[in-house]
């Protein structure tokens, strides 16, 4: 029954999986950092108006006289 050694070729399958996982990881990183925008905001213009508070000068004491 011994026909000879059985050779299992474990060629580039692991490398191909590593490349696919790396590309997916880089894509997720770019989406999370905002480099790639998938159209979530739609280019909305947010107008924020901030008025400065009214500040009055303190009253000066009379010099007397």
N, C-alpha and C. Protein backbone atom coordinates (compact mmCIF):
# COMPACT_ATOMS: atom_id res chain seq x y z
N UNK A 1 0.80 -1.19 0.00
CA UNK A 1 0.00 0.00 0.00
C UNK A 1 0.84 1.26 0.00
N UNK A 2 2.11 1.17 0.20
CA UNK A 2 2.96 2.35 0.21
C UNK A 2 3.31 2.72 -1.21
N UNK A 3 2.62 3.75 -1.71
CA UNK A 3 2.87 4.20 -3.07
C UNK A 3 3.95 5.26 -3.14
N UNK A 4 4.33 5.78 -2.03
CA UNK A 4 5.34 6.83 -1.99
C UNK A 4 4.89 7.97 -1.10
N UNK A 5 5.74 8.96 -0.94
CA UNK A 5 5.39 10.07 -0.06
C UNK A 5 4.27 10.93 -0.67
N UNK A 6 3.44 11.44 0.19
CA UNK A 6 2.37 12.34 -0.23
C UNK A 6 2.86 13.77 -0.04
N UNK A 7 2.89 14.52 -1.13
CA UNK A 7 3.36 15.90 -1.09
C UNK A 7 2.15 16.83 -1.11
N UNK A 8 2.04 17.68 -0.11
CA UNK A 8 0.95 18.65 -0.04
C UNK A 8 1.53 20.01 -0.40
N UNK A 9 0.98 20.58 -1.46
CA UNK A 9 1.46 21.89 -1.91
C UNK A 9 0.70 22.97 -1.17
N UNK A 10 1.39 23.73 -0.35
CA UNK A 10 0.77 24.85 0.37
C UNK A 10 1.29 26.16 -0.21
N UNK A 11 1.17 26.31 -1.50
CA UNK A 11 1.74 27.42 -2.27
C UNK A 11 1.34 28.81 -1.81
N UNK A 12 0.74 29.59 -2.70
CA UNK A 12 0.48 31.00 -2.43
C UNK A 12 -0.89 31.30 -1.88
N UNK A 13 -1.60 30.33 -1.38
CA UNK A 13 -2.92 30.60 -0.83
C UNK A 13 -2.88 31.51 0.38
N UNK A 14 -1.93 31.30 1.25
CA UNK A 14 -1.79 32.16 2.44
C UNK A 14 -1.42 33.58 2.08
N UNK A 15 -0.56 33.73 1.08
CA UNK A 15 -0.16 35.07 0.65
C UNK A 15 -1.34 35.81 0.03
N UNK A 16 -2.16 35.10 -0.74
CA UNK A 16 -3.32 35.74 -1.37
C UNK A 16 -4.32 36.20 -0.31
N UNK A 17 -4.52 35.36 0.70
CA UNK A 17 -5.44 35.74 1.78
C UNK A 17 -4.89 36.93 2.56
N UNK A 18 -3.59 36.96 2.79
CA UNK A 18 -2.97 38.08 3.50
C UNK A 18 -3.12 39.38 2.72
N UNK A 19 -2.98 39.32 1.41
CA UNK A 19 -3.13 40.53 0.58
C UNK A 19 -4.56 41.04 0.63
N UNK A 20 -5.53 40.12 0.53
CA UNK A 20 -6.94 40.53 0.57
C UNK A 20 -7.28 41.14 1.93
N UNK A 21 -6.81 40.54 3.01
CA UNK A 21 -7.08 41.08 4.34
C UNK A 21 -6.41 42.44 4.51
N UNK A 22 -5.20 42.62 3.97
CA UNK A 22 -4.52 43.90 4.07
C UNK A 22 -5.26 44.99 3.31
N UNK A 23 -5.76 44.68 2.11
CA UNK A 23 -6.50 45.67 1.32
C UNK A 23 -7.79 46.06 2.03
N UNK A 24 -8.49 45.08 2.59
CA UNK A 24 -9.72 45.38 3.33
C UNK A 24 -9.40 46.24 4.55
N UNK A 25 -8.34 45.92 5.26
CA UNK A 25 -7.95 46.69 6.44
C UNK A 25 -7.59 48.13 6.10
N UNK A 26 -6.86 48.33 5.02
CA UNK A 26 -6.51 49.68 4.59
C UNK A 26 -7.76 50.46 4.19
N UNK A 27 -8.69 49.80 3.50
CA UNK A 27 -9.93 50.45 3.12
C UNK A 27 -10.75 50.88 4.32
N UNK A 28 -10.85 50.02 5.32
CA UNK A 28 -11.59 50.36 6.54
C UNK A 28 -10.91 51.53 7.26
N UNK A 29 -9.59 51.52 7.31
CA UNK A 29 -8.86 52.61 7.95
C UNK A 29 -9.11 53.94 7.24
N UNK A 30 -9.11 53.93 5.91
CA UNK A 30 -9.35 55.17 5.17
C UNK A 30 -10.77 55.67 5.34
N UNK A 31 -11.73 54.76 5.43
CA UNK A 31 -13.12 55.17 5.65
C UNK A 31 -13.28 55.76 7.05
N UNK A 32 -12.68 55.13 8.05
CA UNK A 32 -12.83 55.61 9.43
C UNK A 32 -12.14 56.95 9.65
N UNK A 33 -11.05 57.22 8.95
CA UNK A 33 -10.35 58.48 9.12
C UNK A 33 -10.94 59.60 8.27
N UNK A 34 -11.89 59.28 7.40
CA UNK A 34 -12.55 60.30 6.60
C UNK A 34 -11.88 60.58 5.27
N UNK A 35 -10.83 59.86 4.92
CA UNK A 35 -10.19 60.06 3.62
C UNK A 35 -11.14 59.63 2.51
N UNK A 36 -11.85 58.54 2.73
CA UNK A 36 -12.85 58.07 1.79
C UNK A 36 -14.22 58.38 2.38
N UNK A 37 -15.03 59.17 1.66
CA UNK A 37 -16.38 59.52 2.13
C UNK A 37 -17.38 58.79 1.25
N UNK A 38 -18.22 58.00 1.86
CA UNK A 38 -19.20 57.23 1.11
C UNK A 38 -20.51 57.99 0.93
N UNK A 39 -20.49 59.30 1.03
CA UNK A 39 -21.68 60.11 0.78
C UNK A 39 -22.61 60.22 1.96
N UNK A 40 -22.12 60.07 3.16
CA UNK A 40 -22.98 60.15 4.33
C UNK A 40 -23.45 61.57 4.62
N UNK A 41 -22.61 62.56 4.37
CA UNK A 41 -22.95 63.95 4.71
C UNK A 41 -23.77 64.64 3.63
N UNK A 42 -23.55 64.31 2.40
CA UNK A 42 -24.28 64.93 1.31
C UNK A 42 -23.90 66.37 1.06
N UNK A 43 -22.78 66.82 1.58
CA UNK A 43 -22.33 68.19 1.34
C UNK A 43 -23.18 69.23 2.03
N UNK A 44 -23.70 68.94 3.21
CA UNK A 44 -24.54 69.90 3.93
C UNK A 44 -23.69 71.05 4.43
N UNK A 45 -24.23 72.26 4.26
CA UNK A 45 -23.56 73.45 4.74
C UNK A 45 -24.16 73.82 6.08
N UNK A 46 -23.37 73.77 7.12
CA UNK A 46 -23.85 74.08 8.46
C UNK A 46 -23.39 75.49 8.79
N UNK A 47 -24.34 76.40 8.97
CA UNK A 47 -24.03 77.78 9.27
C UNK A 47 -24.18 78.01 10.77
N UNK A 48 -23.10 78.35 11.41
CA UNK A 48 -23.12 78.60 12.85
C UNK A 48 -22.76 80.06 13.07
N UNK A 49 -23.69 80.79 13.66
CA UNK A 49 -23.45 82.20 13.93
C UNK A 49 -23.30 82.38 15.44
N UNK A 50 -22.19 82.98 15.84
CA UNK A 50 -21.93 83.21 17.25
C UNK A 50 -21.79 84.71 17.44
N UNK A 51 -22.69 85.28 18.25
CA UNK A 51 -22.63 86.71 18.55
C UNK A 51 -21.76 86.92 19.78
N UNK A 52 -20.93 87.95 19.69
CA UNK A 52 -20.09 88.28 20.83
C UNK A 52 -20.96 88.90 21.92
N UNK A 53 -20.69 88.58 23.17
CA UNK A 53 -21.51 89.16 24.24
C UNK A 53 -21.27 90.67 24.37
N UNK A 54 -22.31 91.40 24.76
CA UNK A 54 -22.19 92.84 24.95
C UNK A 54 -21.44 93.09 26.26
N UNK A 55 -20.34 93.78 26.16
CA UNK A 55 -19.52 94.06 27.35
C UNK A 55 -19.51 95.57 27.56
N UNK A 56 -19.90 95.99 28.76
CA UNK A 56 -19.88 97.41 29.09
C UNK A 56 -18.65 97.72 29.93
N UNK A 57 -18.13 98.91 29.71
CA UNK A 57 -16.96 99.34 30.48
C UNK A 57 -17.37 99.59 31.92
N UNK A 58 -16.52 99.26 32.86
CA UNK A 58 -16.88 99.52 34.26
C UNK A 58 -16.97 101.03 34.56
N UNK A 59 -17.82 101.36 35.49
CA UNK A 59 -17.99 102.77 35.86
C UNK A 59 -16.72 103.28 36.52
N UNK A 60 -16.31 104.49 36.15
CA UNK A 60 -15.12 105.08 36.74
C UNK A 60 -15.54 105.93 37.93
N UNK A 61 -14.80 105.85 39.00
CA UNK A 61 -15.16 106.68 40.17
C UNK A 61 -14.86 108.16 39.90
N UNK A 62 -15.67 109.02 40.50
CA UNK A 62 -15.43 110.47 40.33
C UNK A 62 -14.14 110.84 41.05
N UNK A 63 -13.45 111.81 40.47
CA UNK A 63 -12.19 112.23 41.07
C UNK A 63 -12.42 113.15 42.28
N UNK A 64 -13.63 113.60 42.47
CA UNK A 64 -13.94 114.44 43.63
C UNK A 64 -13.39 115.87 43.45
N UNK A 65 -13.77 116.72 44.19
CA UNK A 65 -13.17 118.01 43.99
C UNK A 65 -13.83 119.12 44.57
